[in-house]
């Protein structure tokens, strides 16, 4: 028996830092690692038969093989990927993009203990969304970033333009 889902993680595309791949369409013609027998493998085979999928026994093995170049990308859920990248020190990997697939996480309880599942559901329902987000962020230490961070680039660019304007005016 499972509780109601308490959080959801997207499936993401992981690549080495030099590869630019932001979506599943960008992976055509490339070898893509997936965990053998998991739902993401079945979903990709069904929805994207053109992808060259390479099955791996687990996330850690798949990411290590990606790190040394056995394939160009790896697809799995963000929580598992973030944990494996951090715990195995795979500094040459990055989250390159997202997929349309999500993984809802729930707690599993023995079938003959339905009261425990009910109690866990009540405990999870009593938590605010902010508390759930804080817990998720505490355990998920990897940042997912696509493209240019304009919040950082804007002020730096404005400061450089101001300095250039002062220099030009001073020289006039």
Protein backbone atom coordinates (compact mmCIF):
# COMPACT_ATOMS: atom_id res chain seq x y z
CA UNK A 1 0.00 0.00 0.00
CA UNK A 2 1.27 3.48 -0.82
CA UNK A 3 0.54 6.84 0.72
CA UNK A 4 -0.58 9.76 -1.40
CA UNK A 5 2.36 11.26 -3.32
CA UNK A 6 4.21 13.72 -1.10
CA UNK A 7 6.51 15.24 -3.72
CA UNK A 8 7.26 15.09 -7.40
CA UNK A 9 10.54 15.18 -9.29
CA UNK A 10 10.88 15.81 -13.02
CA UNK A 11 12.91 13.52 -15.22
CA UNK A 12 15.92 15.43 -16.47
CA UNK A 13 18.60 15.12 -19.12
CA UNK A 14 22.13 14.90 -17.73
CA UNK A 15 25.16 15.47 -19.94
CA UNK A 16 28.83 16.26 -19.69
CA UNK A 17 29.43 20.00 -19.41
CA UNK A 18 30.50 20.42 -23.04
CA UNK A 19 27.29 18.99 -24.60
CA UNK A 20 24.37 21.33 -25.24
CA UNK A 21 21.11 19.35 -25.06
CA UNK A 22 18.05 21.07 -23.68
CA UNK A 23 15.30 18.68 -24.77
CA UNK A 24 14.68 15.11 -25.90
CA UNK A 25 14.66 16.27 -29.54
CA UNK A 26 18.31 17.33 -29.12
CA UNK A 27 19.24 13.72 -28.26
CA UNK A 28 18.45 12.26 -31.70
CA UNK A 29 21.47 10.37 -33.02
CA UNK A 30 23.15 10.27 -29.60
CA UNK A 31 23.50 7.36 -27.18
CA UNK A 32 21.26 7.95 -24.16
CA UNK A 33 21.65 6.07 -20.88
CA UNK A 34 18.60 4.96 -18.85
CA UNK A 35 18.11 2.66 -15.88
CA UNK A 36 17.02 -0.75 -17.17
CA UNK A 37 13.46 -1.70 -16.29
CA UNK A 38 12.43 1.72 -14.92
CA UNK A 39 9.37 3.67 -16.08
CA UNK A 40 11.49 6.28 -17.87
CA UNK A 41 12.96 3.58 -20.14
CA UNK A 42 9.48 2.35 -21.07
CA UNK A 43 8.19 5.90 -21.60
CA UNK A 44 11.11 6.87 -23.85
CA UNK A 45 10.81 3.66 -25.90
CA UNK A 46 7.08 4.32 -26.35
CA UNK A 47 7.20 8.07 -27.05
CA UNK A 48 10.65 8.46 -28.63
CA UNK A 49 11.55 5.25 -30.49
CA UNK A 50 14.17 7.17 -32.49
CA UNK A 51 16.43 7.51 -29.42
CA UNK A 52 19.36 5.10 -29.05
CA UNK A 53 18.79 3.96 -25.43
CA UNK A 54 21.59 2.25 -23.50
CA UNK A 55 20.32 0.35 -20.43
CA UNK A 56 22.28 0.64 -17.16
CA UNK A 57 21.81 -1.34 -13.94
CA UNK A 58 21.38 1.76 -11.72
CA UNK A 59 21.67 5.56 -11.67
CA UNK A 60 25.18 5.69 -10.19
CA UNK A 61 26.57 3.31 -12.82
CA UNK A 62 24.82 5.22 -15.60
CA UNK A 63 26.23 8.55 -14.46
CA UNK A 64 29.76 7.15 -14.08
CA UNK A 65 29.55 5.72 -17.63
CA UNK A 66 28.26 9.08 -18.90
CA UNK A 67 31.14 10.80 -17.10
CA UNK A 68 33.75 8.70 -18.94
CA UNK A 69 32.02 9.03 -22.33
CA UNK A 70 30.28 5.68 -22.90
CA UNK A 71 27.24 7.68 -24.00
CA UNK A 72 26.37 11.35 -24.48
CA UNK A 73 23.36 11.81 -22.16
CA UNK A 74 21.50 10.12 -19.32
CA UNK A 75 17.81 10.51 -18.40
CA UNK A 76 16.34 9.88 -14.95
CA UNK A 77 14.56 11.65 -12.12
CA UNK A 78 16.13 14.79 -10.68
CA UNK A 79 16.22 13.53 -7.09
CA UNK A 80 18.15 10.35 -7.89
CA UNK A 81 20.46 12.14 -10.32
CA UNK A 82 21.26 14.98 -7.91
CA UNK A 83 22.05 12.56 -5.09
CA UNK A 84 24.29 10.36 -7.29
CA UNK A 85 26.19 13.31 -8.80
CA UNK A 86 26.89 14.77 -5.35
CA UNK A 87 27.71 11.51 -3.57
CA UNK A 88 30.03 10.24 -6.33
CA UNK A 89 31.70 13.61 -7.03
CA UNK A 90 30.92 13.68 -10.75
CA UNK A 91 31.95 17.30 -11.33
CA UNK A 92 32.02 17.07 -15.13
CA UNK A 93 28.24 16.44 -15.36
CA UNK A 94 25.40 18.93 -15.45
CA UNK A 95 21.63 18.99 -15.71
CA UNK A 96 21.21 19.91 -19.37
CA UNK A 97 17.43 20.01 -19.71
CA UNK A 98 14.07 18.73 -18.64
CA UNK A 99 11.64 16.19 -20.05
CA UNK A 100 7.84 16.09 -19.95
CA UNK A 101 7.94 13.16 -17.49
CA UNK A 102 7.47 13.47 -13.71
CA UNK A 103 7.94 11.00 -10.87
CA UNK A 104 5.54 11.20 -7.94
CA UNK A 105 7.12 9.89 -4.74
CA UNK A 106 5.09 8.14 -2.04
CA UNK A 107 5.84 6.01 1.01
CA UNK A 108 5.32 2.26 0.72
CA UNK A 109 3.74 0.37 3.61
CA UNK A 110 3.10 -3.35 4.07
CA UNK A 111 -0.37 -4.34 2.79
CA UNK A 112 -1.38 -5.72 6.17
CA UNK A 113 -0.66 -2.32 7.85
CA UNK A 114 -3.22 0.02 6.18
CA UNK A 115 -3.57 2.10 9.38
CA UNK A 116 0.08 3.13 9.10
CA UNK A 117 -0.50 4.35 5.54
CA UNK A 118 -3.51 6.33 6.76
CA UNK A 119 -1.50 7.85 9.64
CA UNK A 120 1.34 8.81 7.28
CA UNK A 121 -1.16 10.43 4.89
CA UNK A 122 -2.55 12.50 7.77
CA UNK A 123 0.95 13.52 8.88
CA UNK A 124 1.89 14.55 5.33
CA UNK A 125 -1.40 16.47 4.93
CA UNK A 126 -0.67 18.40 8.15
CA UNK A 127 2.57 19.80 6.70
CA UNK A 128 2.41 23.14 4.91
CA UNK A 129 3.67 23.48 1.35
CA UNK A 130 6.48 25.69 2.68
CA UNK A 131 7.63 22.95 5.10
CA UNK A 132 7.60 20.36 2.31
CA UNK A 133 9.59 22.70 0.06
CA UNK A 134 12.18 23.36 2.78
CA UNK A 135 12.69 19.63 3.34
CA UNK A 136 12.95 18.96 -0.39
CA UNK A 137 15.48 21.80 -0.86
CA UNK A 138 17.56 20.59 2.10
CA UNK A 139 18.01 17.17 0.51
CA UNK A 140 18.21 18.29 -3.11
CA UNK A 141 21.48 20.23 -3.23
CA UNK A 142 21.95 20.47 -7.01
CA UNK A 143 20.78 23.52 -8.92
CA UNK A 144 19.03 23.21 -12.25
CA UNK A 145 19.86 26.11 -14.53
CA UNK A 146 19.21 26.60 -18.20
CA UNK A 147 20.55 29.44 -20.27
CA UNK A 148 21.90 32.80 -19.09
CA UNK A 149 21.11 34.07 -15.60
CA UNK A 150 19.93 37.55 -16.57
CA UNK A 151 19.52 38.60 -12.92
CA UNK A 152 23.30 38.36 -12.57
CA UNK A 153 24.24 39.54 -16.08
CA UNK A 154 22.01 42.68 -16.05
CA UNK A 155 23.67 44.58 -13.16
CA UNK A 156 27.18 43.63 -14.32
CA UNK A 157 26.40 44.81 -17.85
CA UNK A 158 24.88 48.07 -16.55
CA UNK A 159 27.96 48.74 -14.41
CA UNK A 160 30.28 48.14 -17.37
CA UNK A 161 28.23 50.49 -19.55
CA UNK A 162 28.37 53.17 -16.84
CA UNK A 163 32.16 52.84 -16.56
CA UNK A 164 32.53 53.02 -20.35
CA UNK A 165 30.31 56.13 -20.47
CA UNK A 166 32.42 57.86 -17.79
CA UNK A 167 35.63 57.04 -19.70
CA UNK A 168 34.21 58.34 -23.00
CA UNK A 169 32.94 61.56 -21.37
CA UNK A 170 36.26 62.04 -19.56
CA UNK A 171 38.20 61.62 -22.82
CA UNK A 172 35.98 64.15 -24.65
